[in-house]
PDB file of all heavy atoms in Angstrom:
ATOM      1  N   THR A   1     -21.442 -10.795   6.583  1.00  0.00           N
ATOM      2  CA  THR A   1     -20.959 -11.944   7.333  1.00  0.00           C
ATOM      3  C   THR A   1     -19.460 -12.069   7.059  1.00  0.00           C
ATOM      4  O   THR A   1     -19.052 -12.281   5.912  1.00  0.00           O
ATOM      5  CB  THR A   1     -21.662 -13.244   6.917  1.00  0.00           C
ATOM      6  OG1 THR A   1     -23.070 -13.097   7.091  1.00  0.00           O
ATOM      7  CG2 THR A   1     -21.165 -14.413   7.758  1.00  0.00           C
ATOM      8  N   VAL A   2     -18.650 -11.899   8.082  1.00  0.00           N
ATOM      9  CA  VAL A   2     -17.198 -11.986   7.941  1.00  0.00           C
ATOM     10  C   VAL A   2     -16.779 -13.406   8.293  1.00  0.00           C
ATOM     11  O   VAL A   2     -16.999 -13.873   9.413  1.00  0.00           O
ATOM     12  CB  VAL A   2     -16.486 -10.969   8.851  1.00  0.00           C
ATOM     13  CG1 VAL A   2     -14.975 -11.041   8.630  1.00  0.00           C
ATOM     14  CG2 VAL A   2     -16.997  -9.554   8.570  1.00  0.00           C
ATOM     15  N   CYS A   3     -16.164 -14.084   7.329  1.00  0.00           N
ATOM     16  CA  CYS A   3     -15.799 -15.487   7.494  1.00  0.00           C
ATOM     17  C   CYS A   3     -14.310 -15.622   7.793  1.00  0.00           C
ATOM     18  O   CYS A   3     -13.496 -14.832   7.289  1.00  0.00           O
ATOM     19  CB  CYS A   3     -16.147 -16.265   6.227  1.00  0.00           C
ATOM     20  SG  CYS A   3     -17.908 -16.135   5.769  1.00  0.00           S
ATOM     21  N   PRO A   4     -13.925 -16.622   8.579  1.00  0.00           N
ATOM     22  CA  PRO A   4     -12.540 -16.731   9.066  1.00  0.00           C
ATOM     23  C   PRO A   4     -11.585 -17.369   8.068  1.00  0.00           C
ATOM     24  O   PRO A   4     -11.025 -18.444   8.298  1.00  0.00           O
ATOM     25  CB  PRO A   4     -12.700 -17.586  10.322  1.00  0.00           C
ATOM     26  CG  PRO A   4     -13.848 -18.484   9.989  1.00  0.00           C
ATOM     27  CD  PRO A   4     -14.798 -17.643   9.183  1.00  0.00           C
ATOM     28  N   LEU A   5     -11.388 -16.710   6.941  1.00  0.00           N
ATOM     29  CA  LEU A   5     -10.384 -17.156   5.980  1.00  0.00           C
ATOM     30  C   LEU A   5      -9.899 -15.957   5.180  1.00  0.00           C
ATOM     31  O   LEU A   5     -10.579 -14.930   5.120  1.00  0.00           O
ATOM     32  CB  LEU A   5     -10.927 -18.238   5.035  1.00  0.00           C
ATOM     33  CG  LEU A   5     -11.851 -17.822   3.887  1.00  0.00           C
ATOM     34  CD1 LEU A   5     -11.958 -18.952   2.883  1.00  0.00           C
ATOM     35  CD2 LEU A   5     -13.232 -17.441   4.387  1.00  0.00           C
ATOM     36  N   VAL A   6      -8.716 -16.090   4.601  1.00  0.00           N
ATOM     37  CA  VAL A   6      -8.143 -15.037   3.762  1.00  0.00           C
ATOM     38  C   VAL A   6      -7.936 -15.603   2.366  1.00  0.00           C
ATOM     39  O   VAL A   6      -7.325 -16.662   2.198  1.00  0.00           O
ATOM     40  CB  VAL A   6      -6.810 -14.524   4.338  1.00  0.00           C
ATOM     41  CG1 VAL A   6      -6.132 -13.574   3.361  1.00  0.00           C
ATOM     42  CG2 VAL A   6      -7.037 -13.830   5.684  1.00  0.00           C
ATOM     43  N   ILE A   7      -8.455 -14.893   1.358  1.00  0.00           N
ATOM     44  CA  ILE A   7      -8.382 -15.361  -0.026  1.00  0.00           C
ATOM     45  C   ILE A   7      -7.251 -14.669  -0.778  1.00  0.00           C
ATOM     46  O   ILE A   7      -6.469 -15.296  -1.479  1.00  0.00           O
ATOM     47  CB  ILE A   7      -9.730 -15.134  -0.743  1.00  0.00           C
ATOM     48  CG1 ILE A   7     -10.797 -16.021  -0.101  1.00  0.00           C
ATOM     49  CG2 ILE A   7      -9.608 -15.418  -2.231  1.00  0.00           C
ATOM     50  CD1 ILE A   7     -12.191 -15.790  -0.628  1.00  0.00           C
ATOM     51  N   GLY A   8      -7.156 -13.346  -0.628  1.00  0.00           N
ATOM     52  CA  GLY A   8      -6.096 -12.597  -1.282  1.00  0.00           C
ATOM     53  C   GLY A   8      -6.283 -12.469  -2.787  1.00  0.00           C
ATOM     54  O   GLY A   8      -7.241 -12.986  -3.364  1.00  0.00           O
ATOM     55  N   GLY A   9      -5.354 -11.763  -3.411  1.00  0.00           N
ATOM     56  CA  GLY A   9      -5.390 -11.605  -4.861  1.00  0.00           C
ATOM     57  C   GLY A   9      -6.000 -10.286  -5.288  1.00  0.00           C
ATOM     58  O   GLY A   9      -7.128  -9.980  -4.910  1.00  0.00           O
ATOM     59  N   SER A  10      -5.260  -9.528  -6.093  1.00  0.00           N
ATOM     60  CA  SER A  10      -5.767  -8.230  -6.527  1.00  0.00           C
ATOM     61  C   SER A  10      -6.940  -8.353  -7.496  1.00  0.00           C
ATOM     62  O   SER A  10      -7.681  -7.396  -7.708  1.00  0.00           O
ATOM     63  CB  SER A  10      -4.642  -7.421  -7.192  1.00  0.00           C
ATOM     64  OG  SER A  10      -4.110  -8.117  -8.315  1.00  0.00           O
ATOM     65  N   HIS A  11      -7.121  -9.531  -8.096  1.00  0.00           N
ATOM     66  CA  HIS A  11      -8.213  -9.720  -9.052  1.00  0.00           C
ATOM     67  C   HIS A  11      -9.407 -10.453  -8.450  1.00  0.00           C
ATOM     68  O   HIS A  11     -10.395 -10.696  -9.151  1.00  0.00           O
ATOM     69  CB  HIS A  11      -7.718 -10.473 -10.286  1.00  0.00           C
ATOM     70  CG  HIS A  11      -6.660  -9.733 -11.047  1.00  0.00           C
ATOM     71  ND1 HIS A  11      -6.908  -8.552 -11.714  1.00  0.00           N
ATOM     72  CD2 HIS A  11      -5.338  -9.999 -11.222  1.00  0.00           C
ATOM     73  CE1 HIS A  11      -5.792  -8.126 -12.283  1.00  0.00           C
ATOM     74  NE2 HIS A  11      -4.821  -8.981 -11.985  1.00  0.00           N
ATOM     75  N   ALA A  12      -9.316 -10.832  -7.195  1.00  0.00           N
ATOM     76  CA  ALA A  12     -10.455 -11.473  -6.542  1.00  0.00           C
ATOM     77  C   ALA A  12     -11.518 -10.416  -6.243  1.00  0.00           C
ATOM     78  O   ALA A  12     -11.193  -9.333  -5.745  1.00  0.00           O
ATOM     79  CB  ALA A  12     -10.011 -12.155  -5.256  1.00  0.00           C
ATOM     80  N   PRO A  13     -12.795 -10.685  -6.544  1.00  0.00           N
ATOM     81  CA  PRO A  13     -13.837  -9.674  -6.363  1.00  0.00           C
ATOM     82  C   PRO A  13     -14.106  -9.368  -4.894  1.00  0.00           C
ATOM     83  O   PRO A  13     -13.950 -10.219  -4.021  1.00  0.00           O
ATOM     84  CB  PRO A  13     -15.064 -10.302  -7.024  1.00  0.00           C
ATOM     85  CG  PRO A  13     -14.807 -11.777  -6.956  1.00  0.00           C
ATOM     86  CD  PRO A  13     -13.324 -11.932  -7.104  1.00  0.00           C
ATOM     87  N   THR A  14     -14.500  -8.123  -4.651  1.00  0.00           N
ATOM     88  CA  THR A  14     -14.848  -7.677  -3.309  1.00  0.00           C
ATOM     89  C   THR A  14     -16.336  -7.342  -3.256  1.00  0.00           C
ATOM     90  O   THR A  14     -17.037  -7.448  -4.265  1.00  0.00           O
ATOM     91  CB  THR A  14     -14.037  -6.427  -2.916  1.00  0.00           C
ATOM     92  OG1 THR A  14     -14.496  -5.310  -3.704  1.00  0.00           O
ATOM     93  CG2 THR A  14     -12.562  -6.645  -3.165  1.00  0.00           C
ATOM     94  N   ILE A  15     -16.807  -6.911  -2.114  1.00  0.00           N
ATOM     95  CA  ILE A  15     -18.236  -6.613  -2.005  1.00  0.00           C
ATOM     96  C   ILE A  15     -18.632  -5.398  -2.818  1.00  0.00           C
ATOM     97  O   ILE A  15     -19.794  -5.198  -3.122  1.00  0.00           O
ATOM     98  CB  ILE A  15     -18.681  -6.414  -0.535  1.00  0.00           C
ATOM     99  CG1 ILE A  15     -18.066  -5.152   0.063  1.00  0.00           C
ATOM    100  CG2 ILE A  15     -18.366  -7.635   0.293  1.00  0.00           C
ATOM    101  CD1 ILE A  15     -18.725  -4.735   1.352  1.00  0.00           C
ATOM    102  N   SER A  16     -17.652  -4.558  -3.197  1.00  0.00           N
ATOM    103  CA  SER A  16     -17.973  -3.378  -3.992  1.00  0.00           C
ATOM    104  C   SER A  16     -16.861  -3.105  -5.005  1.00  0.00           C
ATOM    105  O   SER A  16     -15.916  -2.378  -4.735  1.00  0.00           O
ATOM    106  CB  SER A  16     -18.172  -2.153  -3.080  1.00  0.00           C
ATOM    107  OG  SER A  16     -18.621  -1.033  -3.815  1.00  0.00           O
ATOM    108  N   ASP A  17     -17.007  -3.708  -6.191  1.00  0.00           N
ATOM    109  CA  ASP A  17     -16.067  -3.483  -7.275  1.00  0.00           C
ATOM    110  C   ASP A  17     -16.597  -2.370  -8.175  1.00  0.00           C
ATOM    111  O   ASP A  17     -17.480  -1.615  -7.792  1.00  0.00           O
ATOM    112  CB  ASP A  17     -15.871  -4.775  -8.080  1.00  0.00           C
ATOM    113  CG  ASP A  17     -15.126  -5.829  -7.281  1.00  0.00           C
ATOM    114  OD1 ASP A  17     -14.308  -5.455  -6.433  1.00  0.00           O
ATOM    115  OD2 ASP A  17     -15.366  -7.028  -7.520  1.00  0.00           O
ATOM    116  N   GLY A  18     -16.103  -2.303  -9.402  1.00  0.00           N
ATOM    117  CA  GLY A  18     -16.614  -1.286 -10.308  1.00  0.00           C
ATOM    118  C   GLY A  18     -15.813  -0.003 -10.252  1.00  0.00           C
ATOM    119  O   GLY A  18     -14.605  -0.012 -10.017  1.00  0.00           O
ATOM    120  N   LEU A  19     -16.487   1.115 -10.437  1.00  0.00           N
ATOM    121  CA  LEU A  19     -15.812   2.407 -10.537  1.00  0.00           C
ATOM    122  C   LEU A  19     -15.285   2.918  -9.206  1.00  0.00           C
ATOM    123  O   LEU A  19     -14.243   3.546  -9.135  1.00  0.00           O
ATOM    124  CB  LEU A  19     -16.764   3.452 -11.147  1.00  0.00           C
ATOM    125  CG  LEU A  19     -17.228   3.178 -12.580  1.00  0.00           C
ATOM    126  CD1 LEU A  19     -18.221   4.250 -13.012  1.00  0.00           C
ATOM    127  CD2 LEU A  19     -16.048   3.122 -13.534  1.00  0.00           C
ATOM    128  N   GLY A  20     -16.018   2.661  -8.135  1.00  0.00           N
ATOM    129  CA  GLY A  20     -15.611   3.157  -6.828  1.00  0.00           C
ATOM    130  C   GLY A  20     -15.658   4.674  -6.758  1.00  0.00           C
ATOM    131  O   GLY A  20     -16.299   5.342  -7.571  1.00  0.00           O
ATOM    132  N   ILE A  21     -14.967   5.221  -5.769  1.00  0.00           N
ATOM    133  CA  ILE A  21     -14.925   6.671  -5.571  1.00  0.00           C
ATOM    134  C   ILE A  21     -13.480   7.153  -5.629  1.00  0.00           C
ATOM    135  O   ILE A  21     -12.558   6.377  -5.413  1.00  0.00           O
ATOM    136  CB  ILE A  21     -15.551   7.083  -4.223  1.00  0.00           C
ATOM    137  CG1 ILE A  21     -14.784   6.410  -3.066  1.00  0.00           C
ATOM    138  CG2 ILE A  21     -17.035   6.746  -4.162  1.00  0.00           C
ATOM    139  CD1 ILE A  21     -15.122   6.954  -1.715  1.00  0.00           C
ATOM    140  N   GLU A  22     -13.294   8.428  -5.934  1.00  0.00           N
ATOM    141  CA  GLU A  22     -11.948   8.981  -6.011  1.00  0.00           C
ATOM    142  C   GLU A  22     -11.517   9.640  -4.711  1.00  0.00           C
ATOM    143  O   GLU A  22     -10.356   9.583  -4.339  1.00  0.00           O
ATOM    144  CB  GLU A  22     -11.875   9.994  -7.154  1.00  0.00           C
ATOM    145  CG  GLU A  22     -12.042   9.366  -8.538  1.00  0.00           C
ATOM    146  CD  GLU A  22     -11.844  10.377  -9.644  1.00  0.00           C
ATOM    147  OE1 GLU A  22     -11.582  11.555  -9.332  1.00  0.00           O
ATOM    148  OE2 GLU A  22     -11.945   9.987 -10.827  1.00  0.00           O
ATOM    149  N   GLN A  23     -12.452  10.264  -4.018  1.00  0.00           N
ATOM    150  CA  GLN A  23     -12.136  10.984  -2.793  1.00  0.00           C
ATOM    151  C   GLN A  23     -12.750  10.276  -1.589  1.00  0.00           C
ATOM    152  O   GLN A  23     -13.938   9.937  -1.601  1.00  0.00           O
ATOM    153  CB  GLN A  23     -12.676  12.423  -2.871  1.00  0.00           C
ATOM    154  CG  GLN A  23     -12.158  13.215  -4.053  1.00  0.00           C
ATOM    155  CD  GLN A  23     -10.671  13.482  -3.961  1.00  0.00           C
ATOM    156  OE1 GLN A  23     -10.100  13.584  -2.865  1.00  0.00           O
ATOM    157  NE2 GLN A  23     -10.022  13.603  -5.113  1.00  0.00           N
ATOM    158  N   LEU A  24     -11.949  10.065  -0.564  1.00  0.00           N
ATOM    159  CA  LEU A  24     -12.442   9.395   0.634  1.00  0.00           C
ATOM    160  C   LEU A  24     -13.592  10.164   1.275  1.00  0.00           C
ATOM    161  O   LEU A  24     -14.474   9.573   1.908  1.00  0.00           O
ATOM    162  CB  LEU A  24     -11.295   9.216   1.641  1.00  0.00           C
ATOM    163  CG  LEU A  24     -11.594   8.365   2.872  1.00  0.00           C
ATOM    164  CD1 LEU A  24     -12.021   6.962   2.464  1.00  0.00           C
ATOM    165  CD2 LEU A  24     -10.373   8.295   3.784  1.00  0.00           C
ATOM    166  N   THR A  25     -13.611  11.458   1.094  1.00  0.00           N
ATOM    167  CA  THR A  25     -14.691  12.273   1.657  1.00  0.00           C
ATOM    168  C   THR A  25     -16.045  11.935   1.041  1.00  0.00           C
ATOM    169  O   THR A  25     -17.081  12.269   1.608  1.00  0.00           O
ATOM    170  CB  THR A  25     -14.409  13.773   1.448  1.00  0.00           C
ATOM    171  OG1 THR A  25     -14.156  14.015   0.060  1.00  0.00           O
ATOM    172  CG2 THR A  25     -13.211  14.213   2.276  1.00  0.00           C
ATOM    173  N   ASP A  26     -16.034  11.272  -0.123  1.00  0.00           N
ATOM    174  CA  ASP A  26     -17.282  10.882  -0.784  1.00  0.00           C
ATOM    175  C   ASP A  26     -17.734   9.480  -0.395  1.00  0.00           C
ATOM    176  O   ASP A  26     -18.745   8.996  -0.912  1.00  0.00           O
ATOM    177  CB  ASP A  26     -17.120  10.950  -2.308  1.00  0.00           C
ATOM    178  CG  ASP A  26     -16.866  12.363  -2.798  1.00  0.00           C
ATOM    179  OD1 ASP A  26     -17.405  13.300  -2.178  1.00  0.00           O
ATOM    180  OD2 ASP A  26     -16.131  12.525  -3.794  1.00  0.00           O
ATOM    181  N   ALA A  27     -16.995   8.829   0.483  1.00  0.00           N
ATOM    182  CA  ALA A  27     -17.352   7.466   0.889  1.00  0.00           C
ATOM    183  C   ALA A  27     -18.723   7.441   1.550  1.00  0.00           C
ATOM    184  O   ALA A  27     -19.110   8.368   2.266  1.00  0.00           O
ATOM    185  CB  ALA A  27     -16.301   6.921   1.847  1.00  0.00           C
ATOM    186  N   ARG A  28     -19.458   6.372   1.302  1.00  0.00           N
ATOM    187  CA  ARG A  28     -20.769   6.207   1.935  1.00  0.00           C
ATOM    188  C   ARG A  28     -20.570   5.811   3.395  1.00  0.00           C
ATOM    189  O   ARG A  28     -19.779   4.904   3.698  1.00  0.00           O
ATOM    190  CB  ARG A  28     -21.595   5.152   1.204  1.00  0.00           C
ATOM    191  CG  ARG A  28     -21.863   5.493  -0.246  1.00  0.00           C
ATOM    192  CD  ARG A  28     -22.439   6.881  -0.402  1.00  0.00           C
ATOM    193  NE  ARG A  28     -22.645   7.238  -1.797  1.00  0.00           N
ATOM    194  CZ  ARG A  28     -22.694   8.481  -2.235  1.00  0.00           C
ATOM    195  NH1 ARG A  28     -22.514   9.491  -1.389  1.00  0.00           N
ATOM    196  NH2 ARG A  28     -22.903   8.732  -3.512  1.00  0.00           N
ATOM    197  N   ARG A  29     -21.290   6.472   4.266  1.00  0.00           N
ATOM    198  CA  ARG A  29     -21.099   6.271   5.704  1.00  0.00           C
ATOM    199  C   ARG A  29     -22.245   5.456   6.302  1.00  0.00           C
ATOM    200  O   ARG A  29     -23.418   5.714   6.021  1.00  0.00           O
ATOM    201  CB  ARG A  29     -21.022   7.627   6.410  1.00  0.00           C
ATOM    202  CG  ARG A  29     -19.977   8.576   5.829  1.00  0.00           C
ATOM    203  CD  ARG A  29     -18.563   8.148   6.189  1.00  0.00           C
ATOM    204  NE  ARG A  29     -17.568   9.027   5.589  1.00  0.00           N
ATOM    205  CZ  ARG A  29     -16.269   8.959   5.840  1.00  0.00           C
ATOM    206  NH1 ARG A  29     -15.818   8.052   6.689  1.00  0.00           N
ATOM    207  NH2 ARG A  29     -15.423   9.782   5.241  1.00  0.00           N
ATOM    208  N   PHE A  30     -21.887   4.498   7.135  1.00  0.00           N
ATOM    209  CA  PHE A  30     -22.862   3.645   7.819  1.00  0.00           C
ATOM    210  C   PHE A  30     -22.498   3.571   9.299  1.00  0.00           C
ATOM    211  O   PHE A  30     -21.358   3.814   9.690  1.00  0.00           O
ATOM    212  CB  PHE A  30     -22.853   2.229   7.226  1.00  0.00           C
ATOM    213  CG  PHE A  30     -23.373   2.145   5.820  1.00  0.00           C
ATOM    214  CD1 PHE A  30     -22.569   2.481   4.742  1.00  0.00           C
ATOM    215  CD2 PHE A  30     -24.672   1.745   5.571  1.00  0.00           C
ATOM    216  CE1 PHE A  30     -23.041   2.421   3.444  1.00  0.00           C
ATOM    217  CE2 PHE A  30     -25.156   1.672   4.284  1.00  0.00           C
ATOM    218  CZ  PHE A  30     -24.341   2.016   3.214  1.00  0.00           C
ATOM    219  N   HIS A  31     -23.482   3.225  10.109  1.00  0.00           N
ATOM    220  CA  HIS A  31     -23.196   3.020  11.524  1.00  0.00           C
ATOM    221  C   HIS A  31     -23.634   1.613  11.928  1.00  0.00           C
ATOM    222  O   HIS A  31     -24.647   1.093  11.454  1.00  0.00           O
ATOM    223  CB  HIS A  31     -23.882   4.081  12.404  1.00  0.00           C
ATOM    224  CG  HIS A  31     -25.373   4.115  12.290  1.00  0.00           C
ATOM    225  ND1 HIS A  31     -26.045   4.765  11.270  1.00  0.00           N
ATOM    226  CD2 HIS A  31     -26.337   3.580  13.088  1.00  0.00           C
ATOM    227  CE1 HIS A  31     -27.340   4.633  11.432  1.00  0.00           C
ATOM    228  NE2 HIS A  31     -27.553   3.913  12.521  1.00  0.00           N
ATOM    229  N   LEU A  32     -22.851   1.006  12.781  1.00  0.00           N
ATOM    230  CA  LEU A  32     -23.092  -0.366  13.210  1.00  0.00           C
ATOM    231  C   LEU A  32     -24.277  -0.407  14.169  1.00  0.00           C
ATOM    232  O   LEU A  32     -24.322   0.313  15.157  1.00  0.00           O
ATOM    233  CB  LEU A  32     -21.836  -0.913  13.904  1.00  0.00           C
ATOM    234  CG  LEU A  32     -21.876  -2.364  14.382  1.00  0.00           C
ATOM    235  CD1 LEU A  32     -21.953  -3.316  13.201  1.00  0.00           C
ATOM    236  CD2 LEU A  32     -20.641  -2.668  15.231  1.00  0.00           C
ATOM    237  N   THR A  33     -25.245  -1.263  13.865  1.00  0.00           N
ATOM    238  CA  THR A  33     -26.432  -1.371  14.705  1.00  0.00           C
ATOM    239  C   THR A  33     -26.572  -2.744  15.370  1.00  0.00           C
ATOM    240  O   THR A  33     -27.325  -2.897  16.324  1.00  0.00           O
ATOM    241  CB  THR A  33     -27.706  -1.102  13.888  1.00  0.00           C
ATOM    242  OG1 THR A  33     -27.747  -1.980  12.744  1.00  0.00           O
ATOM    243  CG2 THR A  33     -27.732   0.350  13.397  1.00  0.00           C
ATOM    244  N   ARG A  34     -25.838  -3.729  14.861  1.00  0.00           N
ATOM    245  CA  ARG A  34     -25.946  -5.064  15.460  1.00  0.00           C
ATOM    246  C   ARG A  34     -24.711  -5.877  15.094  1.00  0.00           C
ATOM    247  O   ARG A  34     -24.199  -5.777  13.988  1.00  0.00           O
ATOM    248  CB  ARG A  34     -27.199  -5.779  14.954  1.00  0.00           C
ATOM    249  CG  ARG A  34     -27.445  -7.158  15.564  1.00  0.00           C
ATOM    250  CD  ARG A  34     -28.762  -7.733  15.062  1.00  0.00           C
ATOM    251  NE  ARG A  34     -29.039  -9.037  15.642  1.00  0.00           N
ATOM    252  CZ  ARG A  34     -28.640 -10.189  15.107  1.00  0.00           C
ATOM    253  NH1 ARG A  34     -27.948 -10.198  13.985  1.00  0.00           N
ATOM    254  NH2 ARG A  34     -28.943 -11.351  15.687  1.00  0.00           N
ATOM    255  N   ARG A  35     -24.246  -6.677  16.039  1.00  0.00           N
ATOM    256  CA  ARG A  35     -23.177  -7.618  15.736  1.00  0.00           C
ATOM    257  C   ARG A  35     -23.375  -8.874  16.570  1.00  0.00           C
ATOM    258  O   ARG A  35     -23.825  -8.824  17.721  1.00  0.00           O
ATOM    259  CB  ARG A  35     -21.806  -7.006  16.011  1.00  0.00           C
ATOM    260  CG  ARG A  35     -21.520  -6.664  17.455  1.00  0.00           C
ATOM    261  CD  ARG A  35     -20.133  -6.059  17.574  1.00  0.00           C
ATOM    262  NE  ARG A  35     -19.849  -5.656  18.953  1.00  0.00           N
ATOM    263  CZ  ARG A  35     -18.741  -5.043  19.328  1.00  0.00           C
ATOM    264  NH1 ARG A  35     -17.818  -4.756  18.435  1.00  0.00           N
ATOM    265  NH2 ARG A  35     -18.553  -4.714  20.587  1.00  0.00           N
ATOM    266  N   LYS A  36     -23.040 -10.007  15.966  1.00  0.00           N
ATOM    267  CA  LYS A  36     -23.211 -11.278  16.657  1.00  0.00           C
ATOM    268  C   LYS A  36     -22.188 -12.258  16.114  1.00  0.00           C
ATOM    269  O   LYS A  36     -21.996 -12.370  14.900  1.00  0.00           O
ATOM    270  CB  LYS A  36     -24.629 -11.831  16.440  1.00  0.00           C
ATOM    271  CG  LYS A  36     -24.884 -13.156  17.130  1.00  0.00           C
ATOM    272  CD  LYS A  36     -26.302 -13.644  16.884  1.00  0.00           C
ATOM    273  CE  LYS A  36     -26.555 -14.973  17.571  1.00  0.00           C
ATOM    274  NZ  LYS A  36     -27.950 -15.461  17.318  1.00  0.00           N
TER     275      LYS A  36
END
């Protein structure tokens, strides 16, 4: 759910924090199936 506000801040948590990935080629891929 994308909400209409901007919080900002490099220390504010995101939906996926932690170690993350090093190479963009390793990113998990999803396809959009619904939007409203």
